[in-house]
Amino acid sequence: MARQAGLRTADYLLAHRIPRPVQWLLKRLPAPLAARVLRQAVGHHAWTFAGSGHFTARAGRPCVLTITGNPLCRGADLQNPSPLPACDFYAATFERLFQVLVHPTVQAVETACEARGDPACVFELRW
């Protein structure tokens, strides 16, 4: 359910929040440059999804997005940590945005998660 919510959130952002001329431009840029522009834009708006958490983005292949103090993981029972990453919502949102605006084969994988006891939630975007 969280994954579907993330995909729908990305679709909403594409339909209503990311201007069409910007989308047009990103789709025509080389993938590394489009990823850079999109990473910066996501970083500028991180307060909308990370709240009081901290968002960082690192260039490269893979592109790495990190949320420390993730609101989705607050209150996680670290005495009984989740065996799997718990942030399907974010992974799906990032994946859809990058698939549409950067490269159609982008896959987002959460490689660390605060709900598992990791120090941050880390998402690797590969294409």
N, C-alpha and C. Protein backbone atom coordinates (compact mmCIF):
# COMPACT_ATOMS: atom_id res chain seq x y z
N MET A 1 0.82 -1.18 0.00
CA MET A 1 0.00 0.00 0.00
C MET A 1 0.88 1.26 0.00
N ALA A 2 1.97 1.22 0.78
CA ALA A 2 2.85 2.39 0.84
C ALA A 2 3.49 2.65 -0.53
N ARG A 3 3.84 1.59 -1.24
CA ARG A 3 4.43 1.76 -2.58
C ARG A 3 3.43 2.42 -3.53
N GLN A 4 2.18 1.98 -3.50
CA GLN A 4 1.15 2.58 -4.35
C GLN A 4 0.96 4.06 -4.00
N ALA A 5 0.98 4.37 -2.71
CA ALA A 5 0.85 5.77 -2.28
C ALA A 5 2.02 6.60 -2.82
N GLY A 6 3.22 6.04 -2.81
CA GLY A 6 4.38 6.75 -3.33
C GLY A 6 4.29 6.99 -4.82
N LEU A 7 3.85 5.98 -5.56
CA LEU A 7 3.68 6.14 -7.02
C LEU A 7 2.63 7.20 -7.32
N ARG A 8 1.55 7.18 -6.58
CA ARG A 8 0.48 8.17 -6.81
C ARG A 8 0.92 9.57 -6.40
N THR A 9 1.74 9.66 -5.37
CA THR A 9 2.28 10.96 -4.98
C THR A 9 3.15 11.52 -6.09
N ALA A 10 4.01 10.69 -6.66
CA ALA A 10 4.86 11.14 -7.77
C ALA A 10 4.00 11.57 -8.95
N ASP A 11 2.96 10.80 -9.25
CA ASP A 11 2.07 11.16 -10.36
C ASP A 11 1.41 12.51 -10.10
N TYR A 12 1.01 12.76 -8.85
CA TYR A 12 0.41 14.05 -8.49
C TYR A 12 1.43 15.18 -8.69
N LEU A 13 2.66 14.97 -8.22
CA LEU A 13 3.70 15.98 -8.38
C LEU A 13 3.94 16.29 -9.86
N LEU A 14 3.97 15.26 -10.67
CA LEU A 14 4.18 15.45 -12.11
C LEU A 14 3.00 16.19 -12.75
N ALA A 15 1.79 15.91 -12.29
CA ALA A 15 0.61 16.53 -12.89
C ALA A 15 0.36 17.95 -12.39
N HIS A 16 0.77 18.25 -11.14
CA HIS A 16 0.34 19.52 -10.55
C HIS A 16 1.44 20.39 -9.96
N ARG A 17 2.61 19.86 -9.71
CA ARG A 17 3.62 20.65 -8.99
C ARG A 17 4.90 20.92 -9.78
N ILE A 18 5.24 20.06 -10.70
CA ILE A 18 6.45 20.28 -11.49
C ILE A 18 6.02 20.87 -12.82
N PRO A 19 6.39 22.12 -13.08
CA PRO A 19 5.93 22.79 -14.30
C PRO A 19 6.26 22.00 -15.57
N ARG A 20 5.33 22.01 -16.51
CA ARG A 20 5.51 21.29 -17.78
C ARG A 20 6.79 21.69 -18.51
N PRO A 21 7.13 22.99 -18.58
CA PRO A 21 8.39 23.33 -19.28
C PRO A 21 9.62 22.72 -18.60
N VAL A 22 9.59 22.61 -17.28
CA VAL A 22 10.71 21.99 -16.57
C VAL A 22 10.76 20.50 -16.90
N GLN A 23 9.61 19.85 -16.91
CA GLN A 23 9.56 18.43 -17.27
C GLN A 23 10.08 18.23 -18.69
N TRP A 24 9.64 19.07 -19.59
CA TRP A 24 10.06 18.96 -20.99
C TRP A 24 11.58 19.04 -21.08
N LEU A 25 12.16 20.02 -20.37
CA LEU A 25 13.61 20.21 -20.40
C LEU A 25 14.35 19.02 -19.78
N LEU A 26 13.92 18.57 -18.60
CA LEU A 26 14.60 17.45 -17.94
C LEU A 26 14.62 16.20 -18.81
N LYS A 27 13.52 15.95 -19.50
CA LYS A 27 13.43 14.75 -20.34
C LYS A 27 14.39 14.81 -21.53
N ARG A 28 14.85 15.99 -21.88
CA ARG A 28 15.73 16.13 -23.04
C ARG A 28 17.21 16.28 -22.66
N LEU A 29 17.47 16.48 -21.39
CA LEU A 29 18.85 16.59 -20.94
C LEU A 29 19.48 15.20 -20.82
N PRO A 30 20.80 15.11 -20.91
CA PRO A 30 21.46 13.84 -20.62
C PRO A 30 21.10 13.42 -19.19
N ALA A 31 20.94 12.13 -18.97
CA ALA A 31 20.48 11.62 -17.67
C ALA A 31 21.29 12.16 -16.48
N PRO A 32 22.63 12.19 -16.53
CA PRO A 32 23.36 12.70 -15.36
C PRO A 32 23.03 14.16 -15.04
N LEU A 33 22.85 14.96 -16.06
CA LEU A 33 22.51 16.37 -15.83
C LEU A 33 21.07 16.51 -15.33
N ALA A 34 20.15 15.76 -15.91
CA ALA A 34 18.76 15.79 -15.45
C ALA A 34 18.69 15.33 -14.00
N ALA A 35 19.45 14.29 -13.64
CA ALA A 35 19.46 13.79 -12.26
C ALA A 35 19.97 14.86 -11.31
N ARG A 36 20.97 15.59 -11.74
CA ARG A 36 21.53 16.66 -10.91
C ARG A 36 20.49 17.74 -10.63
N VAL A 37 19.81 18.18 -11.69
CA VAL A 37 18.79 19.21 -11.53
C VAL A 37 17.66 18.72 -10.64
N LEU A 38 17.21 17.49 -10.87
CA LEU A 38 16.11 16.94 -10.08
C LEU A 38 16.53 16.75 -8.62
N ARG A 39 17.74 16.27 -8.38
CA ARG A 39 18.24 16.13 -7.00
C ARG A 39 18.20 17.45 -6.27
N GLN A 40 18.64 18.51 -6.94
CA GLN A 40 18.65 19.84 -6.32
C GLN A 40 17.23 20.31 -6.02
N ALA A 41 16.32 20.08 -6.95
CA ALA A 41 14.92 20.49 -6.74
C ALA A 41 14.30 19.72 -5.57
N VAL A 42 14.55 18.42 -5.53
CA VAL A 42 14.02 17.60 -4.41
C VAL A 42 14.61 18.12 -3.10
N GLY A 43 15.89 18.43 -3.09
CA GLY A 43 16.52 18.96 -1.89
C GLY A 43 15.91 20.26 -1.41
N HIS A 44 15.56 21.15 -2.36
CA HIS A 44 14.95 22.44 -2.00
C HIS A 44 13.55 22.25 -1.39
N HIS A 45 12.90 21.17 -1.73
CA HIS A 45 11.54 20.93 -1.24
C HIS A 45 11.48 19.80 -0.21
N ALA A 46 12.63 19.38 0.30
CA ALA A 46 12.68 18.25 1.22
C ALA A 46 11.87 18.48 2.48
N TRP A 47 11.73 19.73 2.89
CA TRP A 47 10.95 20.01 4.10
C TRP A 47 9.52 19.49 3.97
N THR A 48 9.03 19.36 2.75
CA THR A 48 7.63 18.91 2.56
C THR A 48 7.46 17.43 2.86
N PHE A 49 8.54 16.64 2.78
CA PHE A 49 8.41 15.20 3.04
C PHE A 49 9.31 14.72 4.17
N ALA A 50 10.36 15.45 4.48
CA ALA A 50 11.26 15.02 5.55
C ALA A 50 10.95 15.72 6.86
N GLY A 51 10.10 16.73 6.83
CA GLY A 51 9.76 17.45 8.05
C GLY A 51 11.00 17.97 8.74
N SER A 52 11.15 17.64 10.01
CA SER A 52 12.32 18.10 10.76
C SER A 52 13.53 17.19 10.52
N GLY A 53 13.36 16.17 9.70
CA GLY A 53 14.48 15.31 9.33
C GLY A 53 15.43 16.05 8.41
N HIS A 54 16.53 15.41 8.06
CA HIS A 54 17.55 16.03 7.22
C HIS A 54 17.71 15.21 5.94
N PHE A 55 17.64 15.89 4.80
CA PHE A 55 17.76 15.25 3.49
C PHE A 55 19.08 15.63 2.84
N THR A 56 19.76 14.64 2.27
CA THR A 56 20.95 14.92 1.47
C THR A 56 20.87 14.10 0.18
N ALA A 57 21.56 14.59 -0.83
CA ALA A 57 21.60 13.91 -2.13
C ALA A 57 23.04 13.92 -2.62
N ARG A 58 23.50 12.77 -3.09
CA ARG A 58 24.86 12.65 -3.61
C ARG A 58 24.82 12.23 -5.06
N ALA A 59 25.57 12.93 -5.86
CA ALA A 59 25.65 12.62 -7.29
C ALA A 59 26.39 11.32 -7.51
N GLY A 60 26.23 10.79 -8.70
CA GLY A 60 26.98 9.60 -9.08
C GLY A 60 26.06 8.49 -9.53
N ARG A 61 26.67 7.34 -9.79
CA ARG A 61 25.92 6.16 -10.18
C ARG A 61 26.33 5.05 -9.25
N PRO A 62 25.52 4.77 -8.25
CA PRO A 62 24.16 5.27 -8.12
C PRO A 62 24.09 6.67 -7.51
N CYS A 63 23.00 7.31 -7.79
CA CYS A 63 22.64 8.56 -7.12
C CYS A 63 22.10 8.13 -5.74
N VAL A 64 22.53 8.79 -4.69
CA VAL A 64 22.15 8.38 -3.34
C VAL A 64 21.38 9.50 -2.64
N LEU A 65 20.17 9.19 -2.20
CA LEU A 65 19.34 10.12 -1.44
C LEU A 65 19.24 9.59 -0.02
N THR A 66 19.41 10.46 0.97
CA THR A 66 19.43 10.05 2.36
C THR A 66 18.50 10.93 3.19
N ILE A 67 17.73 10.28 4.07
CA ILE A 67 16.90 11.01 5.03
C ILE A 67 17.31 10.55 6.42
N THR A 68 17.77 11.48 7.23
CA THR A 68 18.11 11.21 8.62
C THR A 68 17.02 11.84 9.48
N GLY A 69 16.54 11.11 10.45
CA GLY A 69 15.41 11.60 11.25
C GLY A 69 14.11 11.47 10.48
N ASN A 70 13.99 10.40 9.73
CA ASN A 70 12.84 10.16 8.85
C ASN A 70 11.54 10.10 9.64
N PRO A 71 10.57 10.95 9.30
CA PRO A 71 9.29 10.92 10.03
C PRO A 71 8.55 9.59 9.92
N LEU A 72 8.75 8.84 8.84
CA LEU A 72 8.08 7.55 8.71
C LEU A 72 8.64 6.51 9.68
N CYS A 73 9.84 6.74 10.17
CA CYS A 73 10.47 5.76 11.05
C CYS A 73 10.44 6.17 12.52
N ARG A 74 9.97 7.37 12.80
CA ARG A 74 9.90 7.80 14.19
C ARG A 74 9.01 6.86 14.98
N GLY A 75 9.45 6.53 16.15
CA GLY A 75 8.66 5.64 17.00
C GLY A 75 8.85 4.17 16.67
N ALA A 76 9.75 3.86 15.74
CA ALA A 76 10.00 2.45 15.42
C ALA A 76 10.56 1.76 16.66
N ASP A 77 10.16 0.55 16.87
CA ASP A 77 10.61 -0.24 18.01
C ASP A 77 12.00 -0.80 17.70
N LEU A 78 13.02 -0.12 18.16
CA LEU A 78 14.38 -0.54 17.85
C LEU A 78 14.83 -1.73 18.71
N GLN A 79 14.01 -2.09 19.70
CA GLN A 79 14.28 -3.32 20.44
C GLN A 79 13.90 -4.53 19.56
N ASN A 80 12.94 -4.32 18.67
CA ASN A 80 12.50 -5.33 17.70
C ASN A 80 12.49 -4.69 16.31
N PRO A 81 13.67 -4.40 15.77
CA PRO A 81 13.73 -3.67 14.49
C PRO A 81 13.09 -4.44 13.34
N SER A 82 12.63 -3.69 12.37
CA SER A 82 12.05 -4.28 11.18
C SER A 82 13.12 -5.09 10.43
N PRO A 83 12.78 -6.27 9.95
CA PRO A 83 13.77 -7.05 9.20
C PRO A 83 13.99 -6.49 7.78
N LEU A 84 13.04 -5.70 7.31
CA LEU A 84 13.11 -5.13 5.95
C LEU A 84 13.03 -3.62 6.02
N PRO A 85 13.55 -2.93 4.99
CA PRO A 85 13.36 -1.48 4.94
C PRO A 85 11.87 -1.15 4.96
N ALA A 86 11.53 -0.03 5.59
CA ALA A 86 10.12 0.30 5.80
C ALA A 86 9.63 1.51 5.01
N CYS A 87 10.45 2.03 4.12
CA CYS A 87 10.11 3.30 3.47
C CYS A 87 9.75 3.13 1.99
N ASP A 88 8.87 2.18 1.71
CA ASP A 88 8.43 1.96 0.33
C ASP A 88 7.82 3.20 -0.29
N PHE A 89 7.17 4.02 0.54
CA PHE A 89 6.56 5.25 0.04
C PHE A 89 7.60 6.14 -0.62
N TYR A 90 8.69 6.42 0.10
CA TYR A 90 9.74 7.28 -0.45
C TYR A 90 10.41 6.63 -1.66
N ALA A 91 10.74 5.36 -1.55
CA ALA A 91 11.42 4.67 -2.66
C ALA A 91 10.58 4.75 -3.93
N ALA A 92 9.28 4.52 -3.80
CA ALA A 92 8.41 4.55 -4.98
C ALA A 92 8.28 5.97 -5.54
N THR A 93 8.18 6.95 -4.67
CA THR A 93 8.08 8.34 -5.13
C THR A 93 9.34 8.74 -5.89
N PHE A 94 10.51 8.49 -5.29
CA PHE A 94 11.77 8.84 -5.96
C PHE A 94 11.90 8.08 -7.28
N GLU A 95 11.59 6.79 -7.25
CA GLU A 95 11.73 5.98 -8.45
C GLU A 95 10.88 6.52 -9.60
N ARG A 96 9.61 6.79 -9.34
CA ARG A 96 8.73 7.28 -10.41
C ARG A 96 9.20 8.62 -10.95
N LEU A 97 9.55 9.55 -10.06
CA LEU A 97 10.02 10.85 -10.53
C LEU A 97 11.26 10.72 -11.41
N PHE A 98 12.20 9.92 -10.97
CA PHE A 98 13.44 9.76 -11.74
C PHE A 98 13.21 8.95 -13.02
N GLN A 99 12.28 8.00 -13.01
CA GLN A 99 11.96 7.25 -14.24
C GLN A 99 11.38 8.18 -15.29
N VAL A 100 10.48 9.03 -14.89
CA VAL A 100 9.80 9.91 -15.85
C VAL A 100 10.70 11.05 -16.30
N LEU A 101 11.50 11.60 -15.39
CA LEU A 101 12.23 12.83 -15.71
C LEU A 101 13.72 12.64 -16.02
N VAL A 102 14.28 11.48 -15.65
CA VAL A 102 15.72 11.28 -15.84
C VAL A 102 16.01 10.14 -16.81
N HIS A 103 15.53 8.93 -16.48
CA HIS A 103 15.80 7.77 -17.32
C HIS A 103 14.75 6.70 -17.02
N PRO A 104 14.16 6.10 -18.05
CA PRO A 104 13.04 5.16 -17.83
C PRO A 104 13.40 3.87 -17.08
N THR A 105 14.67 3.56 -16.94
CA THR A 105 15.04 2.31 -16.25
C THR A 105 15.46 2.52 -14.79
N VAL A 106 15.29 3.73 -14.27
CA VAL A 106 15.70 3.99 -12.89
C VAL A 106 14.98 3.03 -11.94
N GLN A 107 15.75 2.48 -11.01
CA GLN A 107 15.19 1.69 -9.92
C GLN A 107 15.72 2.28 -8.63
N ALA A 108 14.82 2.48 -7.67
CA ALA A 108 15.20 2.98 -6.35
C ALA A 108 15.16 1.83 -5.36
N VAL A 109 16.26 1.66 -4.65
CA VAL A 109 16.35 0.59 -3.65
C VAL A 109 16.76 1.23 -2.32
N GLU A 110 15.99 0.93 -1.29
CA GLU A 110 16.35 1.41 0.04
C GLU A 110 17.38 0.44 0.61
N THR A 111 18.61 0.94 0.82
CA THR A 111 19.70 0.07 1.26
C THR A 111 19.95 0.15 2.76
N ALA A 112 19.40 1.16 3.42
CA ALA A 112 19.49 1.29 4.87
C ALA A 112 18.20 1.95 5.34
N CYS A 113 17.79 1.63 6.56
CA CYS A 113 16.52 2.16 7.06
C CYS A 113 16.59 2.34 8.57
N GLU A 114 16.16 3.50 9.03
CA GLU A 114 16.15 3.77 10.46
C GLU A 114 15.26 2.78 11.22
N ALA A 115 14.20 2.29 10.57
CA ALA A 115 13.31 1.32 11.22
C ALA A 115 14.02 -0.02 11.47
N ARG A 116 15.13 -0.26 10.76
CA ARG A 116 15.94 -1.48 10.98
C ARG A 116 17.06 -1.22 11.98
N GLY A 117 17.16 0.02 12.43
CA GLY A 117 18.24 0.38 13.35
C GLY A 117 19.42 1.05 12.68
N ASP A 118 19.33 1.29 11.37
CA ASP A 118 20.41 1.99 10.66
C ASP A 118 20.38 3.47 11.03
N PRO A 119 21.50 4.18 10.88
CA PRO A 119 21.54 5.59 11.27
C PRO A 119 20.73 6.52 10.35
N ALA A 120 20.36 6.07 9.16
CA ALA A 120 19.59 6.89 8.23
C ALA A 120 18.90 5.98 7.23
N CYS A 121 17.92 6.55 6.52
CA CYS A 121 17.28 5.84 5.42
C CYS A 121 18.00 6.26 4.15
N VAL A 122 18.53 5.28 3.43
CA VAL A 122 19.36 5.55 2.25
C VAL A 122 18.71 4.89 1.04
N PHE A 123 18.55 5.69 -0.03
CA PHE A 123 17.94 5.21 -1.26
C PHE A 123 18.94 5.35 -2.38
N GLU A 124 19.23 4.24 -3.05
CA GLU A 124 20.13 4.26 -4.21
C GLU A 124 19.28 4.22 -5.47
N LEU A 125 19.53 5.16 -6.36
CA LEU A 125 18.83 5.22 -7.64
C LEU A 125 19.80 4.82 -8.73
N ARG A 126 19.49 3.74 -9.43
CA ARG A 126 20.37 3.19 -10.47
C ARG A 126 19.64 3.16 -11.81
N TRP A 127 20.40 3.41 -12.86
CA TRP A 127 19.89 3.24 -14.22
C TRP A 127 21.02 2.80 -15.12
